[in-house]
Amino acid sequence: MNELTKRQTEVLSFIYEFKQAKGYSASYRDIACHFGFSTKAAFDHMKALQKKGAISIEENVSRSLSIIAPQLVESESFSISIPILGRVAAGLPLICEENKDGEVALPVSLLKSRNSTYFAMTVHGESMVELGIMDGDLAILEKCDTAENGEIVMASLGDYDGITLKKLYHHPSNIELRPANPSFNPIFTRDCRVLGKLILTIRSY
């Protein structure tokens, strides 16, 4: 098989994970929506993957994408190992335990980029429940030090290691960390440091 580009690798991984989760193949529209490009671009990616021997496509048959070598997408090259660093409060700030508490492996297709740095924290509290973030969820975050209004961030407060998971809003004189639960009040502070942005959450049952 010819070597795949980074984007082709991400698309192939998405096709595989989609089939594993739903039991049927992704359509061109599914691929286009996930990656934010046109259906024509999705079609071109499929033809390139077919030419390189990564997938097969049955002409004129809907959802007929098939991965020829499943072992390729089950390999470590299609996943990223993300360290679990402790707990983050979706409520009042908690002390962050900066010790590594295991790892979680996630497919590249679920993340923004293989080149970004990611870490995971276990959610503690219920202040973000209206956005579907529950106590005990595993929050996957992209490491960064800035965020736009409305983005969900992990932030530290003050001169101690307390951290919290909230929506961030910039105001002229301070920063607001806003919960998604009417039982909790927003936090207004001038001493806030963004540590990461929420990418997704994982829940165990």
Protein backbone atom coordinates (compact mmCIF):
# COMPACT_ATOMS: atom_id res chain seq x y z
CA MET A 1 0.00 0.00 0.00
CA ASN A 2 1.25 3.50 -0.83
CA GLU A 3 1.91 5.76 2.15
CA LEU A 4 -1.08 7.83 3.25
CA THR A 5 -1.04 11.56 3.95
CA LYS A 6 -1.94 12.81 7.44
CA ARG A 7 -5.44 13.82 6.29
CA GLN A 8 -5.98 10.50 4.53
CA THR A 9 -4.97 8.72 7.72
CA GLU A 10 -7.51 10.78 9.71
CA VAL A 11 -10.27 10.09 7.16
CA LEU A 12 -9.53 6.36 7.10
CA SER A 13 -9.60 6.27 10.89
CA PHE A 14 -12.97 8.07 10.91
CA ILE A 15 -14.43 5.56 8.43
CA TYR A 16 -13.29 2.72 10.64
CA GLU A 17 -14.60 4.23 13.91
CA PHE A 18 -17.92 5.15 12.25
CA LYS A 19 -18.47 1.56 11.12
CA GLN A 20 -17.49 0.21 14.54
CA ALA A 21 -19.93 2.56 16.32
CA LYS A 22 -22.93 2.43 13.99
CA GLY A 23 -22.65 -0.92 12.23
CA TYR A 24 -22.80 0.55 8.72
CA SER A 25 -20.44 2.50 6.50
CA ALA A 26 -20.09 6.27 6.50
CA SER A 27 -21.46 8.20 3.54
CA TYR A 28 -19.62 10.96 1.72
CA ARG A 29 -21.90 13.43 3.52
CA ASP A 30 -21.01 11.93 6.93
CA ILE A 31 -17.31 12.35 6.13
CA ALA A 32 -17.77 15.89 4.82
CA CYS A 33 -19.75 16.98 7.91
CA HIS A 34 -17.22 15.51 10.33
CA PHE A 35 -14.21 17.20 8.75
CA GLY A 36 -15.93 20.40 7.64
CA PHE A 37 -15.27 20.13 3.94
CA SER A 38 -17.47 19.68 0.86
CA THR A 39 -19.02 16.42 -0.31
CA LYS A 40 -16.88 16.74 -3.45
CA ALA A 41 -13.74 16.89 -1.28
CA ALA A 42 -14.93 13.80 0.62
CA PHE A 43 -15.42 12.00 -2.70
CA ASP A 44 -11.92 12.99 -3.82
CA HIS A 45 -10.43 11.67 -0.55
CA MET A 46 -12.25 8.36 -1.04
CA LYS A 47 -10.95 8.00 -4.58
CA ALA A 48 -7.40 8.72 -3.36
CA LEU A 49 -7.73 6.10 -0.60
CA GLN A 50 -9.14 3.62 -3.11
CA LYS A 51 -6.26 4.27 -5.49
CA LYS A 52 -3.76 3.66 -2.67
CA GLY A 53 -5.42 0.35 -1.83
CA ALA A 54 -6.77 1.39 1.58
CA ILE A 55 -10.49 1.03 0.83
CA SER A 56 -12.83 -0.50 -1.70
CA ILE A 57 -15.94 1.20 -3.09
CA GLU A 58 -18.80 -0.59 -4.82
CA GLU A 59 -19.93 1.67 -7.62
CA ASN A 60 -23.53 2.99 -7.51
CA VAL A 61 -24.16 1.41 -4.09
CA SER A 62 -24.90 3.65 -1.11
CA ARG A 63 -22.64 3.33 1.95
CA SER A 64 -20.41 0.78 0.27
CA LEU A 65 -17.07 1.98 1.68
CA SER A 66 -15.05 -0.94 2.95
CA ILE A 67 -11.58 -0.89 4.54
CA ILE A 68 -9.40 -3.49 2.84
CA ALA A 69 -6.88 -3.90 5.69
CA PRO A 70 -8.63 -3.32 9.06
CA GLN A 71 -5.46 -4.15 10.96
CA LEU A 72 -3.98 -0.86 9.72
CA VAL A 73 -6.53 1.26 11.57
CA GLU A 74 -6.38 -0.96 14.64
CA SER A 75 -2.69 -0.22 15.01
CA GLU A 76 -1.21 2.37 17.39
CA SER A 77 -0.50 4.73 14.48
CA PHE A 78 -4.23 5.54 14.36
CA SER A 79 -4.54 6.38 18.04
CA ILE A 80 -2.99 8.76 20.54
CA SER A 81 -2.22 7.86 24.15
CA ILE A 82 -3.42 10.68 26.42
CA PRO A 83 -2.30 10.99 30.06
CA ILE A 84 -4.94 11.22 32.79
CA LEU A 85 -3.66 13.80 35.28
CA GLY A 86 -6.24 13.87 38.05
CA ARG A 87 -9.56 15.60 38.74
CA VAL A 88 -11.06 18.88 37.60
CA ALA A 89 -14.02 20.47 39.40
CA ALA A 90 -17.19 21.14 37.45
CA GLY A 91 -18.40 23.06 40.49
CA LEU A 92 -16.06 24.70 42.98
CA PRO A 93 -12.31 24.65 42.25
CA LEU A 94 -10.42 21.56 43.37
CA ILE A 95 -6.77 21.03 44.02
CA CYS A 96 -5.30 19.51 40.89
CA GLU A 97 -3.37 16.33 41.51
CA GLU A 98 -0.60 16.69 38.95
CA ASN A 99 0.34 13.06 39.22
CA LYS A 100 -0.32 10.87 36.23
CA ASP A 101 -3.28 8.59 36.89
CA GLY A 102 -3.12 6.30 33.87
CA GLU A 103 -3.69 6.83 30.15
CA VAL A 104 -6.50 6.64 27.63
CA ALA A 105 -5.97 5.80 23.93
CA LEU A 106 -8.21 7.66 21.47
CA PRO A 107 -8.51 7.45 17.67
CA VAL A 108 -6.94 10.34 15.77
CA SER A 109 -10.31 10.91 14.07
CA LEU A 110 -11.86 12.08 17.36
CA LEU A 111 -9.20 14.73 17.95
CA LYS A 112 -8.39 18.01 16.23
CA SER A 113 -4.84 17.15 15.27
CA ARG A 114 -2.19 14.56 16.03
CA ASN A 115 0.24 17.49 16.47
CA SER A 116 -1.60 19.09 19.40
CA THR A 117 -0.93 18.19 23.05
CA TYR A 118 -3.81 16.58 24.92
CA PHE A 119 -4.46 15.55 28.50
CA ALA A 120 -7.42 14.11 30.40
CA MET A 121 -9.01 14.94 33.74
CA THR A 122 -11.87 13.24 35.59
CA VAL A 123 -14.82 15.61 36.10
CA HIS A 124 -15.92 16.13 39.70
CA GLY A 125 -19.17 18.00 40.35
CA GLU A 126 -22.38 18.92 38.54
CA SER A 127 -22.02 22.54 37.48
CA MET A 128 -21.88 21.66 33.76
CA VAL A 129 -24.71 19.13 33.57
CA GLU A 130 -26.86 21.21 31.20
CA LEU A 131 -24.14 20.73 28.58
CA GLY A 132 -24.09 16.99 29.20
CA ILE A 133 -20.89 17.03 31.29
CA MET A 134 -21.51 14.78 34.27
CA ASP A 135 -19.73 13.90 37.48
CA GLY A 136 -17.29 11.08 36.74
CA ASP A 137 -16.91 11.85 33.02
CA LEU A 138 -13.42 11.86 31.58
CA ALA A 139 -12.72 15.28 30.03
CA ILE A 140 -10.30 15.30 27.09
CA LEU A 141 -8.61 18.69 26.75
CA GLU A 142 -6.28 20.32 24.26
CA LYS A 143 -3.45 22.13 26.03
CA CYS A 144 -3.54 25.90 25.40
CA ASP A 145 -3.31 29.21 27.24
CA THR A 146 -5.99 31.24 25.45
CA ALA A 147 -9.66 30.72 24.56
CA GLU A 148 -12.52 32.55 22.85
CA ASN A 149 -15.78 33.62 24.47
CA GLY A 150 -18.09 30.68 25.06
CA GLU A 151 -15.44 27.97 24.89
CA ILE A 152 -15.32 25.41 27.69
CA VAL A 153 -11.96 25.59 29.41
CA MET A 154 -10.04 24.18 32.30
CA ALA A 155 -8.69 27.14 34.24
CA SER A 156 -6.67 27.72 37.40
CA LEU A 157 -7.69 30.40 39.87
CA GLY A 158 -5.55 32.59 42.09
CA ASP A 159 -2.20 31.74 43.56
CA TYR A 160 -3.01 28.11 44.31
CA ASP A 161 -3.55 25.01 42.23
CA GLY A 162 -7.34 25.08 42.26
CA ILE A 163 -8.80 24.30 38.85
CA THR A 164 -12.28 24.28 37.40
CA LEU A 165 -14.13 23.44 34.17
CA LYS A 166 -16.40 26.24 32.95
CA LYS A 167 -17.41 28.33 29.94
CA LEU A 168 -15.10 31.33 29.62
CA TYR A 169 -16.19 34.89 28.85
CA HIS A 170 -13.94 37.95 28.64
CA HIS A 171 -15.22 41.20 30.21
CA PRO A 172 -13.48 44.59 30.29
CA SER A 173 -12.45 44.33 33.93
CA ASN A 174 -12.42 40.59 34.61
CA ILE A 175 -13.01 37.08 33.32
CA GLU A 176 -16.20 35.15 33.91
CA LEU A 177 -16.18 31.36 34.33
CA ARG A 178 -19.80 30.44 33.75
CA PRO A 179 -21.42 27.16 34.86
CA ALA A 180 -24.15 25.31 32.97
CA ASN A 181 -26.35 24.65 35.97
CA PRO A 182 -28.64 27.30 37.54
CA SER A 183 -27.78 25.99 41.02
CA PHE A 184 -24.23 27.34 40.64
CA ASN A 185 -23.08 30.96 40.45
CA PRO A 186 -20.56 32.18 37.89
CA ILE A 187 -17.01 32.90 39.02
CA PHE A 188 -15.67 36.39 38.28
CA THR A 189 -11.92 36.80 38.59
CA ARG A 190 -8.94 38.85 37.43
CA ASP A 191 -6.54 36.05 38.26
CA CYS A 192 -7.33 33.22 35.87
CA ARG A 193 -5.05 31.08 33.75
CA VAL A 194 -6.39 28.91 30.92
CA LEU A 195 -4.79 25.47 30.90
CA GLY A 196 -6.77 23.71 28.19
CA LYS A 197 -9.90 23.65 26.04
CA LEU A 198 -12.45 20.84 26.20
CA ILE A 199 -12.46 18.63 23.10
CA LEU A 200 -14.79 15.82 24.19
CA THR A 201 -15.94 13.82 27.18
CA ILE A 202 -15.98 10.06 27.73
CA ARG A 203 -18.49 8.35 30.01
CA SER A 204 -18.29 4.88 31.50
CA TYR A 205 -21.44 2.96 32.40
